[in-house]
Amino acid sequence: MNQWITDYVRAQKAALDSISVDGVAKIIQTLQQAHKEDRQIFIFGNGGSASNASHFATDLGKGSSDKLGKRFRVLCLNDNISWMTAIGNDYSYEDVFVRQLENYGRKGDIALTISVSGNSPNCVKALDWSKKNGLTTVALVGAKRGRLAEIADQVVVINDTHYGRAEDAQMGILHMLCYAFMELPQLSK
């Protein structure tokens, strides 16, 4: 057991070490611009990534906004369960994010998706629509990269295919995106 834990921790550190500092800094700059221009930020994912997306919306919408004074306009597309189930039931699960973006998304907004595989059909469809409609597209993906890495304007790849390790590293990135605004007051300028 101890060796398994040691190996897991070693692999987790390697996943964290694979995070592109420049890639994260670029996303922070994108969020800073969105904040200045009062743009909407949409985030979405499936499974553990859905939980991470919801957590990010809370931290950016409350914690970062509290620190800056001016509010971030952030919405997790996973958080309206009645809308998601209606779309999934009446159309398809592949449409649960894109149909919401059709209502809310506007040119200049941000669409940020999280997917370890990079190929989640509902995320791909939503990011593709976002790109075609002038939203800035951002993807956090695992080592397989997938279709999302091809579509997104900005991509950060976690060099691991293990869902737990990749999702943990992605949550670390999401925390960096929020805490940059909480801990670096110059970003509010």
C-alpha atoms as a PDB file:
ATOM      1  CA  MET A   1       0.000   0.000   0.000  1.00  0.00           C
ATOM      2  CA  ASN A   2       2.731   2.480   0.951  1.00  0.00           C
ATOM      3  CA  GLN A   3       4.501   1.978  -2.375  1.00  0.00           C
ATOM      4  CA  TRP A   4       1.243   2.568  -4.287  1.00  0.00           C
ATOM      5  CA  ILE A   5       0.697   5.821  -2.360  1.00  0.00           C
ATOM      6  CA  THR A   6       4.295   6.900  -2.968  1.00  0.00           C
ATOM      7  CA  ASP A   7       3.938   6.154  -6.683  1.00  0.00           C
ATOM      8  CA  TYR A   8       0.621   7.994  -6.864  1.00  0.00           C
ATOM      9  CA  VAL A   9       2.057  11.088  -5.187  1.00  0.00           C
ATOM     10  CA  ARG A  10       5.078  10.990  -7.532  1.00  0.00           C
ATOM     11  CA  ALA A  11       2.759  10.789 -10.563  1.00  0.00           C
ATOM     12  CA  GLN A  12       0.605  13.635  -9.178  1.00  0.00           C
ATOM     13  CA  LYS A  13       3.679  15.826  -8.820  1.00  0.00           C
ATOM     14  CA  ALA A  14       4.613  15.047 -12.437  1.00  0.00           C
ATOM     15  CA  ALA A  15       1.106  16.015 -13.567  1.00  0.00           C
ATOM     16  CA  LEU A  16       1.393  19.314 -11.696  1.00  0.00           C
ATOM     17  CA  ASP A  17       4.862  19.904 -13.141  1.00  0.00           C
ATOM     18  CA  SER A  18       3.387  19.559 -16.648  1.00  0.00           C
ATOM     19  CA  ILE A  19       1.225  22.684 -16.198  1.00  0.00           C
ATOM     20  CA  SER A  20       2.288  25.389 -18.632  1.00  0.00           C
ATOM     21  CA  VAL A  21       2.999  28.532 -16.630  1.00  0.00           C
ATOM     22  CA  ASP A  22       2.729  30.619 -19.804  1.00  0.00           C
ATOM     23  CA  GLY A  23      -0.565  28.948 -20.699  1.00  0.00           C
ATOM     24  CA  VAL A  24      -2.078  29.689 -17.292  1.00  0.00           C
ATOM     25  CA  ALA A  25      -0.771  33.270 -17.385  1.00  0.00           C
ATOM     26  CA  LYS A  26      -2.444  33.767 -20.771  1.00  0.00           C
ATOM     27  CA  ILE A  27      -5.791  32.554 -19.396  1.00  0.00           C
ATOM     28  CA  ILE A  28      -5.437  34.923 -16.423  1.00  0.00           C
ATOM     29  CA  GLN A  29      -4.895  37.772 -18.897  1.00  0.00           C
ATOM     30  CA  THR A  30      -7.985  36.668 -20.835  1.00  0.00           C
ATOM     31  CA  LEU A  31     -10.051  36.695 -17.628  1.00  0.00           C
ATOM     32  CA  GLN A  32      -8.602  40.079 -16.683  1.00  0.00           C
ATOM     33  CA  GLN A  33      -9.709  41.479 -20.049  1.00  0.00           C
ATOM     34  CA  ALA A  34     -13.149  39.877 -19.683  1.00  0.00           C
ATOM     35  CA  HIS A  35     -13.465  41.482 -16.243  1.00  0.00           C
ATOM     36  CA  LYS A  36     -12.529  44.927 -17.588  1.00  0.00           C
ATOM     37  CA  GLU A  37     -14.953  44.613 -20.515  1.00  0.00           C
ATOM     38  CA  ASP A  38     -17.764  43.111 -18.392  1.00  0.00           C
ATOM     39  CA  ARG A  39     -17.831  39.953 -20.514  1.00  0.00           C
ATOM     40  CA  GLN A  40     -19.599  36.770 -19.508  1.00  0.00           C
ATOM     41  CA  ILE A  41     -17.481  33.724 -18.641  1.00  0.00           C
ATOM     42  CA  PHE A  42     -19.045  30.303 -19.206  1.00  0.00           C
ATOM     43  CA  ILE A  43     -17.485  27.134 -17.795  1.00  0.00           C
ATOM     44  CA  PHE A  44     -18.575  23.532 -18.258  1.00  0.00           C
ATOM     45  CA  GLY A  45     -17.482  19.892 -18.103  1.00  0.00           C
ATOM     46  CA  ASN A  46     -18.693  16.383 -17.275  1.00  0.00           C
ATOM     47  CA  GLY A  47     -18.366  14.268 -14.119  1.00  0.00           C
ATOM     48  CA  GLY A  48     -15.497  15.442 -11.934  1.00  0.00           C
ATOM     49  CA  SER A  49     -14.891  18.253 -14.417  1.00  0.00           C
ATOM     50  CA  ALA A  50     -18.475  19.432 -13.838  1.00  0.00           C
ATOM     51  CA  SER A  51     -17.744  19.644 -10.116  1.00  0.00           C
ATOM     52  CA  ASN A  52     -14.517  21.515 -10.831  1.00  0.00           C
ATOM     53  CA  ALA A  53     -16.420  23.894 -13.127  1.00  0.00           C
ATOM     54  CA  SER A  54     -18.984  24.635 -10.417  1.00  0.00           C
ATOM     55  CA  HIS A  55     -16.222  25.170  -7.852  1.00  0.00           C
ATOM     56  CA  PHE A  56     -14.444  27.596 -10.219  1.00  0.00           C
ATOM     57  CA  ALA A  57     -17.621  29.617 -10.802  1.00  0.00           C
ATOM     58  CA  THR A  58     -18.029  29.965  -7.036  1.00  0.00           C
ATOM     59  CA  ASP A  59     -14.424  31.000  -6.427  1.00  0.00           C
ATOM     60  CA  LEU A  60     -14.296  33.467  -9.322  1.00  0.00           C
ATOM     61  CA  GLY A  61     -17.814  34.801  -8.826  1.00  0.00           C
ATOM     62  CA  LYS A  62     -17.519  35.229  -5.068  1.00  0.00           C
ATOM     63  CA  GLY A  63     -13.917  35.138  -3.870  1.00  0.00           C
ATOM     64  CA  SER A  64     -12.226  36.941  -6.761  1.00  0.00           C
ATOM     65  CA  SER A  65     -15.123  39.352  -7.192  1.00  0.00           C
ATOM     66  CA  ASP A  66     -15.145  40.191  -3.472  1.00  0.00           C
ATOM     67  CA  LYS A  67     -11.456  41.063  -3.625  1.00  0.00           C
ATOM     68  CA  LEU A  68     -11.756  43.194  -6.769  1.00  0.00           C
ATOM     69  CA  GLY A  69     -15.005  44.940  -5.873  1.00  0.00           C
ATOM     70  CA  LYS A  70     -16.278  44.764  -9.446  1.00  0.00           C
ATOM     71  CA  ARG A  71     -18.017  41.445 -10.057  1.00  0.00           C
ATOM     72  CA  PHE A  72     -16.987  38.750 -12.499  1.00  0.00           C
ATOM     73  CA  ARG A  73     -19.925  37.601 -14.617  1.00  0.00           C
ATOM     74  CA  VAL A  74     -19.367  33.849 -14.494  1.00  0.00           C
ATOM     75  CA  LEU A  75     -21.825  31.035 -15.067  1.00  0.00           C
ATOM     76  CA  CYS A  76     -21.280  27.294 -14.740  1.00  0.00           C
ATOM     77  CA  LEU A  77     -23.449  25.617 -17.368  1.00  0.00           C
ATOM     78  CA  ASN A  78     -23.574  22.485 -15.210  1.00  0.00           C
ATOM     79  CA  ASP A  79     -25.428  24.177 -12.380  1.00  0.00           C
ATOM     80  CA  ASN A  80     -28.967  24.415 -13.825  1.00  0.00           C
ATOM     81  CA  ILE A  81     -29.984  20.772 -13.573  1.00  0.00           C
ATOM     82  CA  SER A  82     -33.573  21.282 -14.726  1.00  0.00           C
ATOM     83  CA  TRP A  83     -32.379  22.998 -17.905  1.00  0.00           C
ATOM     84  CA  MET A  84     -29.726  20.337 -18.540  1.00  0.00           C
ATOM     85  CA  THR A  85     -32.195  17.495 -18.119  1.00  0.00           C
ATOM     86  CA  ALA A  86     -34.808  19.196 -20.318  1.00  0.00           C
ATOM     87  CA  ILE A  87     -32.256  19.710 -23.089  1.00  0.00           C
ATOM     88  CA  GLY A  88     -30.884  16.177 -22.669  1.00  0.00           C
ATOM     89  CA  ASN A  89     -34.375  14.694 -22.754  1.00  0.00           C
ATOM     90  CA  ASP A  90     -35.859  16.786 -25.555  1.00  0.00           C
ATOM     91  CA  TYR A  91     -32.779  16.992 -27.810  1.00  0.00           C
ATOM     92  CA  SER A  92     -29.685  15.052 -26.741  1.00  0.00           C
ATOM     93  CA  TYR A  93     -27.026  15.071 -24.054  1.00  0.00           C
ATOM     94  CA  GLU A  94     -24.636  16.360 -26.700  1.00  0.00           C
ATOM     95  CA  ASP A  95     -26.653  19.620 -26.688  1.00  0.00           C
ATOM     96  CA  VAL A  96     -26.754  20.369 -22.937  1.00  0.00           C
ATOM     97  CA  PHE A  97     -24.087  23.095 -23.125  1.00  0.00           C
ATOM     98  CA  VAL A  98     -24.464  24.439 -26.647  1.00  0.00           C
ATOM     99  CA  ARG A  99     -28.200  25.109 -26.210  1.00  0.00           C
ATOM    100  CA  GLN A 100     -27.474  27.209 -23.122  1.00  0.00           C
ATOM    101  CA  LEU A 101     -24.735  29.088 -24.963  1.00  0.00           C
ATOM    102  CA  GLU A 102     -27.172  29.817 -27.785  1.00  0.00           C
ATOM    103  CA  ASN A 103     -29.273  31.692 -25.206  1.00  0.00           C
ATOM    104  CA  TYR A 104     -26.458  33.472 -23.349  1.00  0.00           C
ATOM    105  CA  GLY A 105     -23.230  33.507 -25.350  1.00  0.00           C
ATOM    106  CA  ARG A 106     -22.218  36.682 -27.167  1.00  0.00           C
ATOM    107  CA  LYS A 107     -19.218  37.670 -29.232  1.00  0.00           C
ATOM    108  CA  GLY A 108     -16.332  38.571 -26.938  1.00  0.00           C
ATOM    109  CA  ASP A 109     -17.480  36.318 -24.073  1.00  0.00           C
ATOM    110  CA  ILE A 110     -15.342  33.413 -22.794  1.00  0.00           C
ATOM    111  CA  ALA A 111     -16.170  29.703 -23.090  1.00  0.00           C
ATOM    112  CA  LEU A 112     -13.926  27.594 -20.834  1.00  0.00           C
ATOM    113  CA  THR A 113     -14.272  23.825 -20.862  1.00  0.00           C
ATOM    114  CA  ILE A 114     -12.606  21.095 -18.840  1.00  0.00           C
ATOM    115  CA  SER A 115     -12.183  17.548 -20.160  1.00  0.00           C
ATOM    116  CA  VAL A 116      -9.545  14.931 -19.406  1.00  0.00           C
ATOM    117  CA  SER A 117     -10.139  13.128 -22.730  1.00  0.00           C
ATOM    118  CA  GLY A 118     -10.539  16.329 -24.721  1.00  0.00           C
ATOM    119  CA  ASN A 119     -13.248  14.581 -26.729  1.00  0.00           C
ATOM    120  CA  SER A 120     -16.449  14.915 -24.689  1.00  0.00           C
ATOM    121  CA  PRO A 121     -19.074  15.377 -27.449  1.00  0.00           C
ATOM    122  CA  ASN A 122     -21.106  17.974 -25.529  1.00  0.00           C
ATOM    123  CA  CYS A 123     -17.992  20.029 -24.731  1.00  0.00           C
ATOM    124  CA  VAL A 124     -16.717  19.760 -28.318  1.00  0.00           C
ATOM    125  CA  LYS A 125     -20.066  20.882 -29.727  1.00  0.00           C
ATOM    126  CA  ALA A 126     -20.283  23.830 -27.314  1.00  0.00           C
ATOM    127  CA  LEU A 127     -16.698  24.956 -27.914  1.00  0.00           C
ATOM    128  CA  ASP A 128     -17.094  24.648 -31.673  1.00  0.00           C
ATOM    129  CA  TRP A 129     -20.261  26.796 -31.562  1.00  0.00           C
ATOM    130  CA  SER A 130     -18.482  29.291 -29.302  1.00  0.00           C
ATOM    131  CA  LYS A 131     -15.543  29.647 -31.659  1.00  0.00           C
ATOM    132  CA  LYS A 132     -17.837  30.099 -34.684  1.00  0.00           C
ATOM    133  CA  ASN A 133     -19.771  32.800 -32.806  1.00  0.00           C
ATOM    134  CA  GLY A 134     -16.823  34.906 -31.695  1.00  0.00           C
ATOM    135  CA  LEU A 135     -16.350  33.761 -28.112  1.00  0.00           C
ATOM    136  CA  THR A 136     -12.798  33.265 -26.844  1.00  0.00           C
ATOM    137  CA  THR A 137     -12.396  29.520 -26.329  1.00  0.00           C
ATOM    138  CA  VAL A 138     -10.287  27.927 -23.586  1.00  0.00           C
ATOM    139  CA  ALA A 139      -9.757  24.226 -22.859  1.00  0.00           C
ATOM    140  CA  LEU A 140      -8.079  22.384 -20.009  1.00  0.00           C
ATOM    141  CA  VAL A 141      -7.402  18.841 -21.239  1.00  0.00           C
ATOM    142  CA  GLY A 142      -5.433  15.701 -20.421  1.00  0.00           C
ATOM    143  CA  ALA A 143      -2.525  14.183 -22.343  1.00  0.00           C
ATOM    144  CA  LYS A 144      -4.676  12.802 -25.162  1.00  0.00           C
ATOM    145  CA  ARG A 145      -5.562  16.437 -25.976  1.00  0.00           C
ATOM    146  CA  GLY A 146      -8.501  15.452 -28.197  1.00  0.00           C
ATOM    147  CA  ARG A 147     -10.673  17.601 -30.410  1.00  0.00           C
ATOM    148  CA  LEU A 148     -10.955  20.372 -27.798  1.00  0.00           C
ATOM    149  CA  ALA A 149      -7.237  21.090 -28.087  1.00  0.00           C
ATOM    150  CA  GLU A 150      -7.693  21.557 -31.828  1.00  0.00           C
ATOM    151  CA  ILE A 151     -10.650  23.946 -31.459  1.00  0.00           C
ATOM    152  CA  ALA A 152      -9.648  26.101 -28.487  1.00  0.00           C
ATOM    153  CA  ASP A 153      -7.881  29.427 -28.817  1.00  0.00           C
ATOM    154  CA  GLN A 154      -6.036  28.689 -25.564  1.00  0.00           C
ATOM    155  CA  VAL A 155      -5.179  25.203 -24.292  1.00  0.00           C
ATOM    156  CA  VAL A 156      -3.450  23.918 -21.191  1.00  0.00           C
ATOM    157  CA  VAL A 157      -2.582  20.218 -21.339  1.00  0.00           C
ATOM    158  CA  ILE A 158      -1.995  18.084 -18.256  1.00  0.00           C
ATOM    159  CA  ASN A 159       0.501  15.433 -19.297  1.00  0.00           C
ATOM    160  CA  ASP A 160      -1.421  12.536 -17.767  1.00  0.00           C
ATOM    161  CA  THR A 161      -4.382  10.407 -18.848  1.00  0.00           C
ATOM    162  CA  HIS A 162      -5.336   9.317 -15.311  1.00  0.00           C
ATOM    163  CA  TYR A 163      -8.660  10.995 -14.591  1.00  0.00           C
ATOM    164  CA  GLY A 164      -8.028  11.642 -10.900  1.00  0.00           C
ATOM    165  CA  ARG A 165      -4.579  13.146 -11.392  1.00  0.00           C
ATOM    166  CA  ALA A 166      -5.609  15.202 -14.432  1.00  0.00           C
ATOM    167  CA  GLU A 167      -8.734  16.531 -12.691  1.00  0.00           C
ATOM    168  CA  ASP A 168      -6.716  17.408  -9.577  1.00  0.00           C
ATOM    169  CA  ALA A 169      -4.184  19.310 -11.692  1.00  0.00           C
ATOM    170  CA  GLN A 170      -6.985  21.046 -13.596  1.00  0.00           C
ATOM    171  CA  MET A 171      -8.559  22.135 -10.310  1.00  0.00           C
ATOM    172  CA  GLY A 172      -5.154  23.504  -9.339  1.00  0.00           C
ATOM    173  CA  ILE A 173      -5.184  25.596 -12.518  1.00  0.00           C
ATOM    174  CA  LEU A 174      -8.720  26.807 -11.806  1.00  0.00           C
ATOM    175  CA  HIS A 175      -7.640  27.827  -8.316  1.00  0.00           C
ATOM    176  CA  MET A 176      -4.675  29.719  -9.787  1.00  0.00           C
ATOM    177  CA  LEU A 177      -7.045  31.546 -12.131  1.00  0.00           C
ATOM    178  CA  CYS A 178      -9.112  32.696  -9.150  1.00  0.00           C
ATOM    179  CA  TYR A 179      -6.402  33.296  -6.588  1.00  0.00           C
ATOM    180  CA  ALA A 180      -4.402  35.420  -9.025  1.00  0.00           C
ATOM    181  CA  PHE A 181      -7.165  38.016  -8.646  1.00  0.00           C
ATOM    182  CA  MET A 182      -7.416  37.502  -4.891  1.00  0.00           C
ATOM    183  CA  GLU A 183      -3.689  37.762  -4.214  1.00  0.00           C
ATOM    184  CA  LEU A 184      -2.397  40.125  -6.936  1.00  0.00           C
ATOM    185  CA  PRO A 185      -4.181  43.469  -6.507  1.00  0.00           C
ATOM    186  CA  GLN A 186      -2.489  44.890  -9.624  1.00  0.00           C
ATOM    187  CA  LEU A 187      -4.730  42.660 -11.748  1.00  0.00           C
ATOM    188  CA  SER A 188      -7.716  44.864 -10.902  1.00  0.00           C
ATOM    189  CA  LYS A 189      -6.180  47.750 -12.845  1.00  0.00           C
END
